[in-house]
């Protein structure tokens, strides 16, 4: 079954449900499929000074790549929330050119990817996309305001009438009636405006241990018993920030996506159980085209209709 237009195919009962009460599949570190092994290392901080060592950059690339397919392929697969981490390369000759990052910079710049998303949104007007922009690495104090202003201006000009006002309580029906299908969340208070939404809370387990991830998420989701805004349940494991990271990255026959793929079926079984206990809105994962991730999340909405 195709999930490229799953929102338009939901039962009519869900068309007036606030979007923050729907189960929406999302991708964690959405652009990490595009990381540039030839770029300098951005994180972890302890490795920055060793950026010239290719084999080290290769290890970072192997363990920072959380997605396997392009943004358009993720969209076609049914993903509707995107975790977009913005960065500026130091000494870039273009003063406003930006990239994405996760350990390394991406090969493709931000404006190119946003245009790709815009093209997809134009051809799928009933699919509502949520773009979460954050981190803003390399936005030095002297140029930060200029970069933010340029990026927001580009976003509003590019998406134009497709942008949903942040004063609304969006439902599928209100979005469709107004011809809107893009919501932009921006993690910087100083630059919020009517077309730019505030930060979306991202809950995650901060561990590589699936049991610990599940325990932490179960506890966090108790806070969202009566949601009035979007929130993310991140299924993604997180590498440690201390020396214990070595027991993972020195497995030369393994990589991060394999680790996720081995654990994702168990995480999805937990999602199905947890959905009966606490509200779940955006559910984000790595390797979003694997293990029926999108299908599992979308079908939760049908579960809620039956429960009414």
Protein backbone atom coordinates (compact mmCIF):
# COMPACT_ATOMS: atom_id res chain seq x y z
CA UNK A 1 0.00 0.00 0.00
CA UNK A 2 1.20 3.53 -0.84
CA UNK A 3 1.24 6.21 1.88
CA UNK A 4 2.16 9.13 -0.40
CA UNK A 5 -1.32 10.68 0.12
CA UNK A 6 -2.37 9.11 3.41
CA UNK A 7 -3.72 12.29 5.00
CA UNK A 8 -6.26 12.84 2.23
CA UNK A 9 -7.39 9.23 2.67
CA UNK A 10 -8.10 9.40 6.42
CA UNK A 11 -11.74 8.87 7.53
CA UNK A 12 -13.92 11.99 7.47
CA UNK A 13 -14.23 11.87 11.29
CA UNK A 14 -10.55 12.84 11.54
CA UNK A 15 -10.75 15.83 9.18
CA UNK A 16 -11.80 18.11 12.06
CA UNK A 17 -9.37 16.69 14.63
CA UNK A 18 -6.56 19.12 15.58
CA UNK A 19 -3.33 18.08 13.87
CA UNK A 20 -1.63 17.84 17.26
CA UNK A 21 -4.03 15.02 18.12
CA UNK A 22 -3.29 12.97 14.99
CA UNK A 23 -0.53 10.35 14.82
CA UNK A 24 1.98 11.70 12.29
CA UNK A 25 5.15 9.91 11.10
CA UNK A 26 8.30 12.02 11.28
CA UNK A 27 11.98 11.64 10.50
CA UNK A 28 14.77 12.33 12.99
CA UNK A 29 17.78 14.21 11.54
CA UNK A 30 15.97 14.18 8.22
CA UNK A 31 18.89 15.34 6.08
CA UNK A 32 21.56 13.01 7.48
CA UNK A 33 21.42 10.82 4.35
CA UNK A 34 23.26 13.68 2.60
CA UNK A 35 26.23 14.13 4.97
CA UNK A 36 29.49 15.09 3.28
CA UNK A 37 32.39 12.86 4.36
CA UNK A 38 34.77 15.55 3.04
CA UNK A 39 33.42 18.28 5.30
CA UNK A 40 34.94 19.29 8.62
CA UNK A 41 33.65 17.60 11.79
CA UNK A 42 31.11 19.70 13.70
CA UNK A 43 30.40 17.33 16.56
CA UNK A 44 31.31 15.76 18.91
CA UNK A 45 33.42 18.70 20.10
CA UNK A 46 36.36 16.50 21.06
CA UNK A 47 36.86 15.44 17.44
CA UNK A 48 36.67 18.87 15.77
CA UNK A 49 40.45 19.37 15.81
CA UNK A 50 40.97 16.05 14.00
CA UNK A 51 38.85 17.00 11.00
CA UNK A 52 41.75 16.48 8.59
CA UNK A 53 41.87 12.74 9.30
CA UNK A 54 39.76 11.02 6.65
CA UNK A 55 39.20 7.73 8.49
CA UNK A 56 37.85 9.68 11.47
CA UNK A 57 35.46 11.63 9.25
CA UNK A 58 34.38 8.30 7.77
CA UNK A 59 33.56 6.93 11.25
CA UNK A 60 31.54 10.07 12.05
CA UNK A 61 29.72 9.69 8.73
CA UNK A 62 28.92 6.03 9.44
CA UNK A 63 27.47 6.77 12.88
CA UNK A 64 25.79 10.13 12.13
CA UNK A 65 23.81 8.97 9.08
CA UNK A 66 20.37 8.21 10.52
CA UNK A 67 18.38 8.28 7.27
CA UNK A 68 18.89 6.30 4.07
CA UNK A 69 16.69 8.03 1.49
CA UNK A 70 16.18 11.58 0.17
CA UNK A 71 13.62 14.10 1.40
CA UNK A 72 11.40 13.43 -1.62
CA UNK A 73 11.55 9.68 -0.99
CA UNK A 74 10.68 10.27 2.67
CA UNK A 75 7.71 12.40 1.57
CA UNK A 76 6.57 9.75 -0.88
CA UNK A 77 6.84 7.14 1.87
CA UNK A 78 4.41 9.15 4.04
CA UNK A 79 6.70 11.10 6.39
CA UNK A 80 5.13 14.47 7.29
CA UNK A 81 7.41 15.92 10.00
CA UNK A 82 11.03 16.83 9.27
CA UNK A 83 13.79 17.55 11.79
CA UNK A 84 15.97 20.07 9.91
CA UNK A 85 19.16 21.15 11.68
CA UNK A 86 20.63 24.27 10.13
CA UNK A 87 24.30 25.28 9.94
CA UNK A 88 26.56 27.83 8.28
CA UNK A 89 30.02 26.79 7.14
CA UNK A 90 32.75 29.08 8.48
CA UNK A 91 34.49 31.13 5.78
CA UNK A 92 31.82 30.33 3.19
CA UNK A 93 32.23 32.80 0.33
CA UNK A 94 28.44 33.13 0.09
CA UNK A 95 27.41 35.18 3.18
CA UNK A 96 23.91 33.68 3.45
CA UNK A 97 24.37 30.11 2.18
CA UNK A 98 23.31 27.50 4.74
CA UNK A 99 23.54 23.73 5.03
CA UNK A 100 22.14 21.02 7.30
CA UNK A 101 24.29 19.11 9.76
CA UNK A 102 24.62 16.10 12.03
CA UNK A 103 28.23 15.49 12.96
CA UNK A 104 29.22 16.71 9.47
CA UNK A 105 27.75 19.23 7.05
CA UNK A 106 25.47 18.09 4.25
CA UNK A 107 26.45 18.27 0.60
CA UNK A 108 23.23 20.03 -0.39
CA UNK A 109 22.37 23.55 0.78
CA UNK A 110 19.19 24.52 2.63
CA UNK A 111 17.54 26.53 -0.14
CA UNK A 112 17.86 23.66 -2.65
CA UNK A 113 16.17 21.21 -0.25
CA UNK A 114 13.39 23.63 0.69
CA UNK A 115 12.65 24.13 -3.02
CA UNK A 116 12.43 20.34 -3.38
CA UNK A 117 9.93 20.21 -0.48
CA UNK A 118 7.94 23.06 -2.02
CA UNK A 119 7.64 21.24 -5.35
CA UNK A 120 6.35 18.14 -3.59
CA UNK A 121 3.87 20.18 -1.51
CA UNK A 122 2.48 21.83 -4.64
CA UNK A 123 1.69 18.46 -6.20
CA UNK A 124 0.18 17.04 -2.95
CA UNK A 125 -2.02 19.92 -1.67
CA UNK A 126 -3.90 17.76 0.87
CA UNK A 127 -0.77 16.48 2.64
CA UNK A 128 0.23 18.74 5.56
CA UNK A 129 3.99 19.06 6.11
CA UNK A 130 5.61 20.18 9.37
CA UNK A 131 9.15 21.52 9.02
CA UNK A 132 11.05 21.95 12.28
CA UNK A 133 14.12 24.18 11.89
CA UNK A 134 16.62 24.20 14.76
CA UNK A 135 20.20 24.23 16.09
CA UNK A 136 21.55 27.01 13.79
CA UNK A 137 25.19 25.93 14.14
CA UNK A 138 27.75 28.58 13.14
CA UNK A 139 25.34 31.51 13.48
CA UNK A 140 27.98 33.74 15.06
CA UNK A 141 26.75 36.74 17.01
CA UNK A 142 27.90 39.28 14.42
CA UNK A 143 25.91 37.67 11.58
CA UNK A 144 23.18 35.74 13.42
CA UNK A 145 20.37 38.26 12.92
CA UNK A 146 21.21 38.64 9.22
CA UNK A 147 21.20 34.86 8.67
CA UNK A 148 17.91 34.31 10.52
CA UNK A 149 16.24 37.19 8.68
CA UNK A 150 17.47 35.92 5.31
CA UNK A 151 16.32 32.36 6.02
CA UNK A 152 12.85 33.40 7.22
CA UNK A 153 12.44 35.74 4.26
CA UNK A 154 13.38 32.90 1.91
CA UNK A 155 10.90 30.54 3.61
CA UNK A 156 7.98 33.00 3.48
CA UNK A 157 8.69 33.94 -0.15
CA UNK A 158 9.12 30.32 -1.27
CA UNK A 159 6.14 28.73 0.48
CA UNK A 160 3.97 31.87 0.31
CA UNK A 161 0.24 31.13 0.49
CA UNK A 162 0.89 27.50 1.50
CA UNK A 163 2.08 28.57 4.98
CA UNK A 164 -0.41 28.03 7.81
CA UNK A 165 -0.81 30.90 10.30
CA UNK A 166 0.45 30.04 13.77
CA UNK A 167 -2.59 31.61 15.43
CA UNK A 168 -4.83 28.82 14.16
CA UNK A 169 -5.67 25.42 15.60
CA UNK A 170 -5.02 23.53 12.40
CA UNK A 171 -7.11 20.60 11.28
CA UNK A 172 -7.01 18.82 7.95
CA UNK A 173 -10.28 20.53 7.00
CA UNK A 174 -9.13 24.08 7.85
CA UNK A 175 -5.84 23.55 6.02
CA UNK A 176 -7.62 22.18 2.94
CA UNK A 177 -10.28 24.92 2.95
CA UNK A 178 -7.61 27.63 3.12
CA UNK A 179 -5.26 25.98 0.62
CA UNK A 180 -2.48 25.70 3.26
CA UNK A 181 -0.25 22.66 3.67
CA UNK A 182 3.06 23.77 5.24
CA UNK A 183 3.74 24.54 8.91
CA UNK A 184 7.20 25.89 9.79
CA UNK A 185 8.42 25.62 13.38
CA UNK A 186 11.48 27.75 14.21
CA UNK A 187 13.57 27.20 17.34
CA UNK A 188 14.44 30.85 18.00
CA UNK A 189 12.08 33.05 20.01
CA UNK A 190 13.30 36.34 18.56
CA UNK A 191 12.21 35.42 15.06
CA UNK A 192 8.65 34.20 15.58
CA UNK A 193 5.97 35.90 13.48
CA UNK A 194 2.45 35.04 12.25
CA UNK A 195 3.71 32.56 9.64
CA UNK A 196 6.45 31.01 11.81
CA UNK A 197 5.46 28.63 14.61
CA UNK A 198 7.25 28.21 17.93
CA UNK A 199 9.51 25.31 18.83
CA UNK A 200 7.96 21.85 18.91
CA UNK A 201 8.90 19.83 22.00
CA UNK A 202 10.93 16.73 21.07
CA UNK A 203 10.92 13.94 23.67
CA UNK A 204 13.65 11.31 23.31
CA UNK A 205 15.30 8.64 25.43
CA UNK A 206 18.90 9.89 25.29
CA UNK A 207 20.26 6.35 25.37
CA UNK A 208 21.26 3.43 23.15
CA UNK A 209 19.39 1.05 25.47
CA UNK A 210 15.87 0.41 24.14
CA UNK A 211 14.47 -0.34 27.60
CA UNK A 212 15.77 3.00 28.91
CA UNK A 213 14.39 4.83 25.86
CA UNK A 214 10.95 3.30 26.41
CA UNK A 215 10.98 4.10 30.14
CA UNK A 216 11.95 7.74 29.52
CA UNK A 217 9.39 8.24 26.74
CA UNK A 218 6.62 6.62 28.78
CA UNK A 219 7.36 9.07 31.60
CA UNK A 220 7.54 12.10 29.27
CA UNK A 221 4.31 11.29 27.44
CA UNK A 222 2.42 11.46 30.74
CA UNK A 223 2.97 15.26 30.50
CA UNK A 224 0.92 15.39 27.29
CA UNK A 225 -2.39 14.08 28.60
CA UNK A 226 -4.23 17.14 27.20
CA UNK A 227 -2.11 18.42 24.31
CA UNK A 228 -2.71 21.92 22.94
CA UNK A 229 0.29 22.01 20.62
CA UNK A 230 2.45 19.68 18.57
CA UNK A 231 4.91 17.37 20.33
CA UNK A 232 7.31 14.69 19.15
CA UNK A 233 7.94 11.22 20.53
CA UNK A 234 11.42 10.41 19.22
CA UNK A 235 12.10 6.68 18.96
CA UNK A 236 15.72 7.34 18.00
CA UNK A 237 18.60 5.93 20.08
CA UNK A 238 21.31 8.42 21.05
CA UNK A 239 25.04 7.75 21.14
CA UNK A 240 26.76 8.63 24.45
CA UNK A 241 28.77 11.85 24.66
CA UNK A 242 31.63 10.31 26.67
CA UNK A 243 34.28 7.65 26.09
CA UNK A 244 31.69 4.86 26.14
CA UNK A 245 30.84 5.91 22.58
CA UNK A 246 33.89 3.89 21.51
CA UNK A 247 32.18 0.56 22.12
CA UNK A 248 29.78 1.48 19.31
CA UNK A 249 31.86 3.40 16.77
CA UNK A 250 34.74 0.91 16.85
CA UNK A 251 32.47 -1.86 15.57
CA UNK A 252 33.86 -1.62 12.06
CA UNK A 253 31.33 -4.05 10.60
CA UNK A 254 28.35 -2.17 12.05
CA UNK A 255 26.74 1.24 11.58
CA UNK A 256 24.04 3.38 13.15
CA UNK A 257 21.28 2.50 10.70
CA UNK A 258 21.82 -1.21 11.34
CA UNK A 259 21.55 -0.63 15.09
CA UNK A 260 18.26 1.21 14.57
CA UNK A 261 16.87 -1.42 12.20
CA UNK A 262 17.52 -4.17 14.75
CA UNK A 263 15.64 -2.29 17.47
CA UNK A 264 12.84 -0.61 15.53
CA UNK A 265 10.34 -3.54 15.53
CA UNK A 266 10.42 -3.60 19.34
CA UNK A 267 9.99 0.19 19.50
CA UNK A 268 6.99 0.04 17.17
CA UNK A 269 5.35 -2.67 19.28
CA UNK A 270 5.76 -0.34 22.27
CA UNK A 271 4.20 2.53 20.28
CA UNK A 272 1.11 0.44 19.57
CA UNK A 273 0.73 -0.40 23.28
CA UNK A 274 1.52 3.12 24.49
CA UNK A 275 -1.00 4.75 22.15
CA UNK A 276 -3.78 3.21 24.26
CA UNK A 277 -2.37 4.85 27.41
CA UNK A 278 -1.21 8.35 26.47
CA UNK A 279 -1.72 10.75 23.55
CA UNK A 280 0.88 10.48 20.78
CA UNK A 281 1.25 13.11 18.08
CA UNK A 282 4.36 13.20 15.89
CA UNK A 283 6.31 9.94 16.15
CA UNK A 284 9.81 10.36 14.76
CA UNK A 285 12.36 7.72 13.86
CA UNK A 286 15.56 7.02 12.01
CA UNK A 287 15.47 4.82 8.86
CA UNK A 288 11.86 5.84 8.23
CA UNK A 289 11.33 3.57 5.21
CA UNK A 290 12.11 0.41 7.22
CA UNK A 291 10.06 -2.03 9.31
CA UNK A 292 6.65 -0.60 8.33
CA UNK A 293 7.35 2.48 10.45
CA UNK A 294 5.05 4.81 8.47
CA UNK A 295 2.23 2.23 8.17
CA UNK A 296 2.33 1.51 11.92
CA UNK A 297 2.05 5.20 12.84
CA UNK A 298 -0.65 6.06 10.29
CA UNK A 299 -2.80 3.10 11.36
CA UNK A 300 -2.89 4.45 14.93
CA UNK A 301 -5.34 7.08 13.61
CA UNK A 302 -7.75 4.36 12.55
CA UNK A 303 -7.47 2.92 16.04
CA UNK A 304 -8.61 6.25 17.49
CA UNK A 305 -11.64 6.37 15.16
CA UNK A 306 -12.75 2.91 16.28
CA UNK A 307 -12.37 4.03 19.88
CA UNK A 308 -14.85 6.89 19.47
